[in-house]
């Protein structure tokens, strides 16, 4: 079990953020104004999520939160991982959602959340808060940052450019940092479900048996980063549906071949992993975990 959160105010490592406009708080929740609340009804014995205190996520999922917005969250339980096929996912719970109460009882940290969820009568009535959706460059104060996703990858040749044949690429679920790796590591799983299996094994102190490729991003660089993600021409094979806006990035690790990661979903499709790699290479992370799985 993880250590209990301390009573200190959470800190926000990473780049400084603007505080020109005073933060408005919702008087009913004490949380940043503009968010929305919803109720989730859970019958299953397990929720299928992992909760974190906000400061643990301040260098990744919550890295674009304004510092005063992060402080307003205090130690509330924030969903940092949702398992595929879980009761939580079916109920609409997503990463970054903040748990406020369980069966009408307020919860102030992951430990309280775990206790109430474990002991609570079914169906559970969970009240969640969703941060405002506006991005930081649009004036938002609570932008969520994802650093994982399903992509096509290639890491077995010396070429820096993208291979034009889709047959040469492998599908992988790419995670920068995350729960089962150091924040400077990039992990590639065969699917999201296998990543979930690795998370379950890690949280229960068992050996991770799924196949995974691991890459150390420290002292690495991104080829043509000022232009990334780069445009690519892709000759698809018949089994794949591809769009016209194919993009890729190339990581130049300290050792080994270039690592190429591509998407068929345009610039926005690759930005989560690209920004995660940039963060890891700049050393913007903390190696500590205060989390609870429920």
C-alpha atoms as a PDB file:
ATOM      1  CA  UNK A   1       0.000   0.000   0.000  1.00  0.00           C
ATOM      2  CA  UNK A   2       1.176   3.522  -0.749  1.00  0.00           C
ATOM      3  CA  UNK A   3       2.038   5.949   2.018  1.00  0.00           C
ATOM      4  CA  UNK A   4      -0.663   8.293   3.258  1.00  0.00           C
ATOM      5  CA  UNK A   5      -0.656  11.804   1.787  1.00  0.00           C
ATOM      6  CA  UNK A   6       0.904  14.452   3.987  1.00  0.00           C
ATOM      7  CA  UNK A   7      -0.839  17.623   5.105  1.00  0.00           C
ATOM      8  CA  UNK A   8       1.447  19.826   3.021  1.00  0.00           C
ATOM      9  CA  UNK A   9       0.046  21.957   0.235  1.00  0.00           C
ATOM     10  CA  UNK A  10       0.627  20.302  -3.165  1.00  0.00           C
ATOM     11  CA  UNK A  11       3.371  21.698  -5.343  1.00  0.00           C
ATOM     12  CA  UNK A  12       3.394  22.057  -9.109  1.00  0.00           C
ATOM     13  CA  UNK A  13       6.738  21.228 -10.722  1.00  0.00           C
ATOM     14  CA  UNK A  14       7.396  22.158 -14.324  1.00  0.00           C
ATOM     15  CA  UNK A  15       7.089  25.431 -16.222  1.00  0.00           C
ATOM     16  CA  UNK A  16       5.722  28.505 -14.487  1.00  0.00           C
ATOM     17  CA  UNK A  17       2.120  29.412 -15.293  1.00  0.00           C
ATOM     18  CA  UNK A  18       0.328  32.731 -15.474  1.00  0.00           C
ATOM     19  CA  UNK A  19      -1.820  33.953 -12.603  1.00  0.00           C
ATOM     20  CA  UNK A  20      -2.870  37.299 -14.083  1.00  0.00           C
ATOM     21  CA  UNK A  21      -6.560  36.512 -13.643  1.00  0.00           C
ATOM     22  CA  UNK A  22      -7.587  35.516 -10.103  1.00  0.00           C
ATOM     23  CA  UNK A  23      -8.850  31.961  -9.842  1.00  0.00           C
ATOM     24  CA  UNK A  24     -12.606  31.703  -9.333  1.00  0.00           C
ATOM     25  CA  UNK A  25     -13.812  28.923  -7.058  1.00  0.00           C
ATOM     26  CA  UNK A  26     -17.202  27.239  -6.993  1.00  0.00           C
ATOM     27  CA  UNK A  27     -18.591  27.987  -3.496  1.00  0.00           C
ATOM     28  CA  UNK A  28     -20.424  24.644  -3.383  1.00  0.00           C
ATOM     29  CA  UNK A  29     -17.322  22.501  -3.941  1.00  0.00           C
ATOM     30  CA  UNK A  30     -14.333  24.762  -3.308  1.00  0.00           C
ATOM     31  CA  UNK A  31     -13.007  23.658  -6.702  1.00  0.00           C
ATOM     32  CA  UNK A  32     -12.186  25.844  -9.731  1.00  0.00           C
ATOM     33  CA  UNK A  33     -15.334  27.329 -11.265  1.00  0.00           C
ATOM     34  CA  UNK A  34     -16.549  26.076 -14.625  1.00  0.00           C
ATOM     35  CA  UNK A  35     -16.264  22.373 -13.934  1.00  0.00           C
ATOM     36  CA  UNK A  36     -19.200  19.993 -13.964  1.00  0.00           C
ATOM     37  CA  UNK A  37     -20.331  17.266 -11.573  1.00  0.00           C
ATOM     38  CA  UNK A  38     -22.021  13.978 -12.355  1.00  0.00           C
ATOM     39  CA  UNK A  39     -23.157  10.893 -10.492  1.00  0.00           C
ATOM     40  CA  UNK A  40     -21.999   7.376 -11.357  1.00  0.00           C
ATOM     41  CA  UNK A  41     -23.892   4.279 -10.180  1.00  0.00           C
ATOM     42  CA  UNK A  42     -21.695   1.219  -9.646  1.00  0.00           C
ATOM     43  CA  UNK A  43     -22.961  -2.287  -8.824  1.00  0.00           C
ATOM     44  CA  UNK A  44     -19.652  -4.140  -9.301  1.00  0.00           C
ATOM     45  CA  UNK A  45     -17.446  -4.990  -6.294  1.00  0.00           C
ATOM     46  CA  UNK A  46     -14.487  -3.302  -7.993  1.00  0.00           C
ATOM     47  CA  UNK A  47     -14.529   0.147  -9.553  1.00  0.00           C
ATOM     48  CA  UNK A  48     -11.559  -0.459 -11.840  1.00  0.00           C
ATOM     49  CA  UNK A  49      -9.571   2.773 -11.343  1.00  0.00           C
ATOM     50  CA  UNK A  50      -6.454   4.000  -9.576  1.00  0.00           C
ATOM     51  CA  UNK A  51      -6.669   7.226  -7.576  1.00  0.00           C
ATOM     52  CA  UNK A  52      -3.820   9.671  -7.022  1.00  0.00           C
ATOM     53  CA  UNK A  53      -3.368  12.796  -4.965  1.00  0.00           C
ATOM     54  CA  UNK A  54      -3.118  15.819  -7.333  1.00  0.00           C
ATOM     55  CA  UNK A  55       0.550  16.606  -6.643  1.00  0.00           C
ATOM     56  CA  UNK A  56       1.514  13.133  -7.918  1.00  0.00           C
ATOM     57  CA  UNK A  57      -0.003  14.026 -11.291  1.00  0.00           C
ATOM     58  CA  UNK A  58       1.333  17.588 -11.401  1.00  0.00           C
ATOM     59  CA  UNK A  59       4.146  16.657 -13.799  1.00  0.00           C
ATOM     60  CA  UNK A  60       1.990  14.658 -16.219  1.00  0.00           C
ATOM     61  CA  UNK A  61      -1.835  14.506 -16.337  1.00  0.00           C
ATOM     62  CA  UNK A  62      -2.267  17.771 -14.380  1.00  0.00           C
ATOM     63  CA  UNK A  63       0.883  19.508 -15.658  1.00  0.00           C
ATOM     64  CA  UNK A  64      -1.130  22.220 -17.413  1.00  0.00           C
ATOM     65  CA  UNK A  65      -3.167  23.076 -14.328  1.00  0.00           C
ATOM     66  CA  UNK A  66      -2.504  26.548 -12.993  1.00  0.00           C
ATOM     67  CA  UNK A  67      -0.716  26.267  -9.655  1.00  0.00           C
ATOM     68  CA  UNK A  68      -3.563  27.870  -7.697  1.00  0.00           C
ATOM     69  CA  UNK A  69      -6.033  25.481  -9.361  1.00  0.00           C
ATOM     70  CA  UNK A  70      -3.875  22.543  -8.302  1.00  0.00           C
ATOM     71  CA  UNK A  71      -3.719  23.851  -4.740  1.00  0.00           C
ATOM     72  CA  UNK A  72      -7.534  24.133  -4.712  1.00  0.00           C
ATOM     73  CA  UNK A  73      -7.756  20.373  -5.293  1.00  0.00           C
ATOM     74  CA  UNK A  74      -5.696  19.761  -2.116  1.00  0.00           C
ATOM     75  CA  UNK A  75      -5.453  15.948  -1.672  1.00  0.00           C
ATOM     76  CA  UNK A  76      -8.733  14.977  -3.316  1.00  0.00           C
ATOM     77  CA  UNK A  77      -8.667  11.598  -5.127  1.00  0.00           C
ATOM     78  CA  UNK A  78      -8.015  12.111  -8.836  1.00  0.00           C
ATOM     79  CA  UNK A  79      -8.522   9.241 -11.306  1.00  0.00           C
ATOM     80  CA  UNK A  80      -5.103   8.529 -12.820  1.00  0.00           C
ATOM     81  CA  UNK A  81      -5.872   5.218 -14.546  1.00  0.00           C
ATOM     82  CA  UNK A  82      -9.041   3.530 -15.785  1.00  0.00           C
ATOM     83  CA  UNK A  83      -8.964  -0.148 -16.696  1.00  0.00           C
ATOM     84  CA  UNK A  84     -10.401  -1.288 -20.003  1.00  0.00           C
ATOM     85  CA  UNK A  85     -13.781  -3.000 -19.563  1.00  0.00           C
ATOM     86  CA  UNK A  86     -14.143  -1.750 -15.981  1.00  0.00           C
ATOM     87  CA  UNK A  87     -17.346  -0.708 -14.246  1.00  0.00           C
ATOM     88  CA  UNK A  88     -15.927   2.824 -13.987  1.00  0.00           C
ATOM     89  CA  UNK A  89     -15.315   3.085 -17.721  1.00  0.00           C
ATOM     90  CA  UNK A  90     -18.835   1.836 -18.448  1.00  0.00           C
ATOM     91  CA  UNK A  91     -20.176   4.538 -16.116  1.00  0.00           C
ATOM     92  CA  UNK A  92     -18.266   7.276 -17.953  1.00  0.00           C
ATOM     93  CA  UNK A  93     -15.413   7.770 -15.478  1.00  0.00           C
ATOM     94  CA  UNK A  94     -12.248   9.070 -17.159  1.00  0.00           C
ATOM     95  CA  UNK A  95      -8.699   9.989 -16.184  1.00  0.00           C
ATOM     96  CA  UNK A  96      -8.594  13.389 -14.516  1.00  0.00           C
ATOM     97  CA  UNK A  97     -12.038  13.146 -12.939  1.00  0.00           C
ATOM     98  CA  UNK A  98     -12.072  13.996  -9.227  1.00  0.00           C
ATOM     99  CA  UNK A  99     -14.064  11.896  -6.753  1.00  0.00           C
ATOM    100  CA  UNK A 100     -16.059  14.063  -4.318  1.00  0.00           C
ATOM    101  CA  UNK A 101     -18.211  11.589  -2.395  1.00  0.00           C
ATOM    102  CA  UNK A 102     -19.238   7.944  -2.032  1.00  0.00           C
ATOM    103  CA  UNK A 103     -22.838   7.189  -1.016  1.00  0.00           C
ATOM    104  CA  UNK A 104     -23.153  10.761   0.231  1.00  0.00           C
ATOM    105  CA  UNK A 105     -19.952  10.685   2.317  1.00  0.00           C
ATOM    106  CA  UNK A 106     -17.293  13.198   1.275  1.00  0.00           C
ATOM    107  CA  UNK A 107     -13.839  11.775   0.542  1.00  0.00           C
ATOM    108  CA  UNK A 108     -10.747  13.954   0.847  1.00  0.00           C
ATOM    109  CA  UNK A 109      -7.936  11.673  -0.355  1.00  0.00           C
ATOM    110  CA  UNK A 110      -7.337   8.293  -2.054  1.00  0.00           C
ATOM    111  CA  UNK A 111      -7.222   6.414   1.262  1.00  0.00           C
ATOM    112  CA  UNK A 112     -10.681   7.613   2.258  1.00  0.00           C
ATOM    113  CA  UNK A 113     -11.961   6.868  -1.239  1.00  0.00           C
ATOM    114  CA  UNK A 114     -10.660   3.296  -1.116  1.00  0.00           C
ATOM    115  CA  UNK A 115     -12.217   2.714   2.293  1.00  0.00           C
ATOM    116  CA  UNK A 116     -15.648   4.037   1.351  1.00  0.00           C
ATOM    117  CA  UNK A 117     -15.698   2.172  -1.983  1.00  0.00           C
ATOM    118  CA  UNK A 118     -14.599  -1.100  -0.384  1.00  0.00           C
ATOM    119  CA  UNK A 119     -17.063  -0.938   2.497  1.00  0.00           C
ATOM    120  CA  UNK A 120     -19.927   0.909   0.814  1.00  0.00           C
ATOM    121  CA  UNK A 121     -23.230  -0.785   0.044  1.00  0.00           C
ATOM    122  CA  UNK A 122     -24.101  -1.448  -3.600  1.00  0.00           C
ATOM    123  CA  UNK A 123     -25.093   0.197  -5.754  1.00  0.00           C
ATOM    124  CA  UNK A 124     -22.426   2.789  -5.021  1.00  0.00           C
ATOM    125  CA  UNK A 125     -23.407   6.374  -5.674  1.00  0.00           C
ATOM    126  CA  UNK A 126     -20.245   8.215  -6.671  1.00  0.00           C
ATOM    127  CA  UNK A 127     -20.149  11.951  -7.232  1.00  0.00           C
ATOM    128  CA  UNK A 128     -17.374  13.139  -9.578  1.00  0.00           C
ATOM    129  CA  UNK A 129     -16.134  16.538 -10.702  1.00  0.00           C
ATOM    130  CA  UNK A 130     -14.825  17.095 -14.245  1.00  0.00           C
ATOM    131  CA  UNK A 131     -12.342  19.968 -14.708  1.00  0.00           C
ATOM    132  CA  UNK A 132     -13.257  22.717 -17.211  1.00  0.00           C
ATOM    133  CA  UNK A 133     -12.308  21.659 -20.741  1.00  0.00           C
ATOM    134  CA  UNK A 134     -10.747  24.906 -22.013  1.00  0.00           C
ATOM    135  CA  UNK A 135      -7.075  24.622 -23.004  1.00  0.00           C
ATOM    136  CA  UNK A 136      -4.444  26.819 -21.386  1.00  0.00           C
ATOM    137  CA  UNK A 137      -3.930  28.814 -24.606  1.00  0.00           C
ATOM    138  CA  UNK A 138      -7.674  29.500 -24.589  1.00  0.00           C
ATOM    139  CA  UNK A 139      -7.652  30.867 -21.046  1.00  0.00           C
ATOM    140  CA  UNK A 140      -8.361  27.600 -19.263  1.00  0.00           C
ATOM    141  CA  UNK A 141      -6.875  26.847 -15.838  1.00  0.00           C
ATOM    142  CA  UNK A 142      -7.408  23.067 -15.648  1.00  0.00           C
ATOM    143  CA  UNK A 143      -6.272  21.516 -18.943  1.00  0.00           C
ATOM    144  CA  UNK A 144      -5.693  17.760 -18.690  1.00  0.00           C
ATOM    145  CA  UNK A 145      -2.611  16.312 -20.393  1.00  0.00           C
ATOM    146  CA  UNK A 146      -2.597  12.726 -21.663  1.00  0.00           C
ATOM    147  CA  UNK A 147       0.681  10.971 -22.486  1.00  0.00           C
ATOM    148  CA  UNK A 148      -0.398   7.644 -23.943  1.00  0.00           C
ATOM    149  CA  UNK A 149      -2.233   6.283 -26.945  1.00  0.00           C
ATOM    150  CA  UNK A 150      -2.526   3.651 -29.670  1.00  0.00           C
ATOM    151  CA  UNK A 151       0.001   4.224 -32.459  1.00  0.00           C
ATOM    152  CA  UNK A 152       2.030   2.580 -35.202  1.00  0.00           C
ATOM    153  CA  UNK A 153       5.743   2.331 -34.416  1.00  0.00           C
ATOM    154  CA  UNK A 154       9.044   1.333 -36.004  1.00  0.00           C
ATOM    155  CA  UNK A 155      12.334   1.048 -34.115  1.00  0.00           C
ATOM    156  CA  UNK A 156      14.483  -1.518 -35.961  1.00  0.00           C
ATOM    157  CA  UNK A 157      16.257   0.548 -38.669  1.00  0.00           C
ATOM    158  CA  UNK A 158      18.784   3.394 -38.790  1.00  0.00           C
ATOM    159  CA  UNK A 159      16.458   5.581 -40.865  1.00  0.00           C
ATOM    160  CA  UNK A 160      15.155   8.750 -39.244  1.00  0.00           C
ATOM    161  CA  UNK A 161      12.413   9.339 -41.797  1.00  0.00           C
ATOM    162  CA  UNK A 162       9.103   7.491 -41.946  1.00  0.00           C
ATOM    163  CA  UNK A 163       8.851   4.305 -43.979  1.00  0.00           C
ATOM    164  CA  UNK A 164       6.038   4.731 -46.542  1.00  0.00           C
ATOM    165  CA  UNK A 165       4.633   1.201 -46.249  1.00  0.00           C
ATOM    166  CA  UNK A 166       2.148   0.521 -43.464  1.00  0.00           C
ATOM    167  CA  UNK A 167       3.274  -3.114 -43.557  1.00  0.00           C
ATOM    168  CA  UNK A 168       6.576  -2.041 -41.981  1.00  0.00           C
ATOM    169  CA  UNK A 169       4.951  -0.524 -38.884  1.00  0.00           C
ATOM    170  CA  UNK A 170       3.781  -2.331 -35.732  1.00  0.00           C
ATOM    171  CA  UNK A 171       0.685  -1.379 -33.714  1.00  0.00           C
ATOM    172  CA  UNK A 172       1.588  -0.525 -30.113  1.00  0.00           C
ATOM    173  CA  UNK A 173      -0.016   1.135 -27.118  1.00  0.00           C
ATOM    174  CA  UNK A 174       2.567   3.773 -26.181  1.00  0.00           C
ATOM    175  CA  UNK A 175       2.885   5.136 -22.639  1.00  0.00           C
ATOM    176  CA  UNK A 176       5.338   7.785 -21.471  1.00  0.00           C
ATOM    177  CA  UNK A 177       6.000   7.276 -17.773  1.00  0.00           C
ATOM    178  CA  UNK A 178       2.714   6.076 -16.363  1.00  0.00           C
ATOM    179  CA  UNK A 179       2.169   3.755 -13.416  1.00  0.00           C
ATOM    180  CA  UNK A 180       4.508   0.845 -14.160  1.00  0.00           C
ATOM    181  CA  UNK A 181       7.610   2.756 -15.289  1.00  0.00           C
ATOM    182  CA  UNK A 182       9.906   5.574 -14.296  1.00  0.00           C
ATOM    183  CA  UNK A 183       8.752   8.934 -15.703  1.00  0.00           C
ATOM    184  CA  UNK A 184      11.694   9.072 -18.127  1.00  0.00           C
ATOM    185  CA  UNK A 185      10.817   5.697 -19.669  1.00  0.00           C
ATOM    186  CA  UNK A 186       8.628   5.069 -22.707  1.00  0.00           C
ATOM    187  CA  UNK A 187       6.820   1.740 -22.741  1.00  0.00           C
ATOM    188  CA  UNK A 188       5.208   0.031 -25.730  1.00  0.00           C
ATOM    189  CA  UNK A 189       2.575  -2.668 -25.208  1.00  0.00           C
ATOM    190  CA  UNK A 190       0.748  -4.746 -27.776  1.00  0.00           C
ATOM    191  CA  UNK A 191      -2.597  -3.280 -26.658  1.00  0.00           C
ATOM    192  CA  UNK A 192      -4.294  -1.181 -23.981  1.00  0.00           C
ATOM    193  CA  UNK A 193      -5.554  -4.377 -22.351  1.00  0.00           C
ATOM    194  CA  UNK A 194      -1.978  -5.659 -21.945  1.00  0.00           C
ATOM    195  CA  UNK A 195      -0.989  -2.318 -20.414  1.00  0.00           C
ATOM    196  CA  UNK A 196      -3.837  -2.811 -17.932  1.00  0.00           C
ATOM    197  CA  UNK A 197      -2.475  -6.285 -17.146  1.00  0.00           C
ATOM    198  CA  UNK A 198       0.935  -4.766 -16.409  1.00  0.00           C
ATOM    199  CA  UNK A 199      -0.660  -2.144 -14.157  1.00  0.00           C
ATOM    200  CA  UNK A 200      -2.600  -4.804 -12.213  1.00  0.00           C
ATOM    201  CA  UNK A 201       0.519  -6.911 -11.728  1.00  0.00           C
ATOM    202  CA  UNK A 202       2.551  -3.913 -10.575  1.00  0.00           C
ATOM    203  CA  UNK A 203      -0.077  -2.697  -8.116  1.00  0.00           C
ATOM    204  CA  UNK A 204      -0.257  -6.187  -6.554  1.00  0.00           C
ATOM    205  CA  UNK A 205       3.551  -6.605  -6.413  1.00  0.00           C
ATOM    206  CA  UNK A 206       3.479  -9.432  -8.939  1.00  0.00           C
ATOM    207  CA  UNK A 207       5.790 -10.076 -11.869  1.00  0.00           C
ATOM    208  CA  UNK A 208       4.788  -8.337 -15.105  1.00  0.00           C
ATOM    209  CA  UNK A 209       4.453 -11.084 -17.700  1.00  0.00           C
ATOM    210  CA  UNK A 210       3.145  -9.186 -20.727  1.00  0.00           C
ATOM    211  CA  UNK A 211       5.524  -8.375 -23.569  1.00  0.00           C
ATOM    212  CA  UNK A 212       6.751  -4.780 -23.506  1.00  0.00           C
ATOM    213  CA  UNK A 213       9.405  -2.692 -25.261  1.00  0.00           C
ATOM    214  CA  UNK A 214      11.176  -0.168 -23.031  1.00  0.00           C
ATOM    215  CA  UNK A 215      13.098   2.943 -24.064  1.00  0.00           C
ATOM    216  CA  UNK A 216      15.070   5.329 -21.848  1.00  0.00           C
ATOM    217  CA  UNK A 217      14.377   8.919 -22.967  1.00  0.00           C
ATOM    218  CA  UNK A 218      17.049  10.600 -20.850  1.00  0.00           C
ATOM    219  CA  UNK A 219      19.692  12.432 -22.879  1.00  0.00           C
ATOM    220  CA  UNK A 220      17.691  11.744 -26.028  1.00  0.00           C
ATOM    221  CA  UNK A 221      16.326  14.218 -28.557  1.00  0.00           C
ATOM    222  CA  UNK A 222      13.535  14.566 -31.093  1.00  0.00           C
ATOM    223  CA  UNK A 223      14.567  14.797 -34.732  1.00  0.00           C
ATOM    224  CA  UNK A 224      13.318  18.069 -36.273  1.00  0.00           C
ATOM    225  CA  UNK A 225      11.384  18.795 -33.090  1.00  0.00           C
ATOM    226  CA  UNK A 226      10.577  22.348 -34.190  1.00  0.00           C
ATOM    227  CA  UNK A 227       8.561  20.831 -37.057  1.00  0.00           C
ATOM    228  CA  UNK A 228       7.099  17.815 -35.256  1.00  0.00           C
ATOM    229  CA  UNK A 229       4.815  16.036 -35.719  1.00  0.00           C
ATOM    230  CA  UNK A 230       6.040  15.630 -39.294  1.00  0.00           C
ATOM    231  CA  UNK A 231       3.876  14.953 -42.320  1.00  0.00           C
ATOM    232  CA  UNK A 232       4.256  11.503 -43.871  1.00  0.00           C
ATOM    233  CA  UNK A 233       3.126   9.640 -46.944  1.00  0.00           C
ATOM    234  CA  UNK A 234       1.734   6.239 -46.091  1.00  0.00           C
ATOM    235  CA  UNK A 235       0.840   3.456 -48.491  1.00  0.00           C
ATOM    236  CA  UNK A 236      -1.716   1.525 -46.399  1.00  0.00           C
ATOM    237  CA  UNK A 237      -2.371  -2.176 -46.560  1.00  0.00           C
ATOM    238  CA  UNK A 238      -5.991  -3.225 -47.195  1.00  0.00           C
ATOM    239  CA  UNK A 239      -6.719  -4.158 -43.573  1.00  0.00           C
ATOM    240  CA  UNK A 240      -6.061  -0.655 -42.238  1.00  0.00           C
ATOM    241  CA  UNK A 241      -8.286   2.397 -42.531  1.00  0.00           C
ATOM    242  CA  UNK A 242      -6.085   5.462 -42.848  1.00  0.00           C
ATOM    243  CA  UNK A 243      -6.736   9.165 -43.250  1.00  0.00           C
ATOM    244  CA  UNK A 244      -4.902  11.715 -45.373  1.00  0.00           C
ATOM    245  CA  UNK A 245      -3.306  13.506 -42.420  1.00  0.00           C
ATOM    246  CA  UNK A 246      -0.663  10.970 -41.422  1.00  0.00           C
ATOM    247  CA  UNK A 247       1.921  12.289 -38.959  1.00  0.00           C
ATOM    248  CA  UNK A 248       5.008  10.923 -37.252  1.00  0.00           C
ATOM    249  CA  UNK A 249       7.796  11.805 -34.833  1.00  0.00           C
ATOM    250  CA  UNK A 250      11.306  10.386 -34.551  1.00  0.00           C
ATOM    251  CA  UNK A 251      13.062   9.991 -31.214  1.00  0.00           C
ATOM    252  CA  UNK A 252      16.849   9.788 -31.196  1.00  0.00           C
ATOM    253  CA  UNK A 253      17.705   7.887 -28.005  1.00  0.00           C
ATOM    254  CA  UNK A 254      21.083   7.985 -26.333  1.00  0.00           C
ATOM    255  CA  UNK A 255      21.627   4.397 -27.506  1.00  0.00           C
ATOM    256  CA  UNK A 256      20.006   2.330 -30.234  1.00  0.00           C
ATOM    257  CA  UNK A 257      18.106   2.953 -33.445  1.00  0.00           C
ATOM    258  CA  UNK A 258      15.750   5.899 -33.998  1.00  0.00           C
ATOM    259  CA  UNK A 259      12.245   5.323 -32.644  1.00  0.00           C
ATOM    260  CA  UNK A 260       9.498   6.357 -35.030  1.00  0.00           C
ATOM    261  CA  UNK A 261       5.915   6.776 -33.810  1.00  0.00           C
ATOM    262  CA  UNK A 262       3.061   7.573 -36.192  1.00  0.00           C
ATOM    263  CA  UNK A 263      -0.650   8.295 -36.224  1.00  0.00           C
ATOM    264  CA  UNK A 264      -3.371   8.558 -38.833  1.00  0.00           C
ATOM    265  CA  UNK A 265      -5.266  11.113 -36.726  1.00  0.00           C
ATOM    266  CA  UNK A 266      -3.298  14.239 -37.625  1.00  0.00           C
ATOM    267  CA  UNK A 267      -1.373  16.556 -35.342  1.00  0.00           C
ATOM    268  CA  UNK A 268      -3.766  16.210 -32.403  1.00  0.00           C
ATOM    269  CA  UNK A 269      -3.493  12.434 -32.520  1.00  0.00           C
ATOM    270  CA  UNK A 270       0.245  12.451 -31.833  1.00  0.00           C
ATOM    271  CA  UNK A 271       0.552  15.432 -29.473  1.00  0.00           C
ATOM    272  CA  UNK A 272      -0.133  13.510 -26.209  1.00  0.00           C
ATOM    273  CA  UNK A 273       2.842  11.183 -26.652  1.00  0.00           C
ATOM    274  CA  UNK A 274       4.995  13.872 -28.310  1.00  0.00           C
ATOM    275  CA  UNK A 275       4.498  16.257 -25.399  1.00  0.00           C
ATOM    276  CA  UNK A 276       5.130  13.439 -22.945  1.00  0.00           C
ATOM    277  CA  UNK A 277       8.447  12.683 -24.612  1.00  0.00           C
ATOM    278  CA  UNK A 278       9.391  16.369 -24.510  1.00  0.00           C
ATOM    279  CA  UNK A 279       8.571  16.515 -20.799  1.00  0.00           C
ATOM    280  CA  UNK A 280      10.584  13.393 -20.027  1.00  0.00           C
ATOM    281  CA  UNK A 281      13.605  14.659 -21.946  1.00  0.00           C
ATOM    282  CA  UNK A 282      13.529  17.944 -20.022  1.00  0.00           C
ATOM    283  CA  UNK A 283      13.432  16.089 -16.710  1.00  0.00           C
ATOM    284  CA  UNK A 284      10.041  17.541 -15.716  1.00  0.00           C
ATOM    285  CA  UNK A 285       8.890  14.737 -13.453  1.00  0.00           C
ATOM    286  CA  UNK A 286       8.770  13.548  -9.867  1.00  0.00           C
ATOM    287  CA  UNK A 287       9.572   9.986  -8.872  1.00  0.00           C
ATOM    288  CA  UNK A 288       6.984   9.490  -6.138  1.00  0.00           C
ATOM    289  CA  UNK A 289       3.591   7.812  -5.906  1.00  0.00           C
ATOM    290  CA  UNK A 290       0.710   8.238  -3.490  1.00  0.00           C
ATOM    291  CA  UNK A 291      -2.043   6.210  -5.089  1.00  0.00           C
ATOM    292  CA  UNK A 292      -4.814   3.766  -4.326  1.00  0.00           C
ATOM    293  CA  UNK A 293      -6.460   1.188  -6.587  1.00  0.00           C
ATOM    294  CA  UNK A 294     -10.156   0.497  -6.177  1.00  0.00           C
END
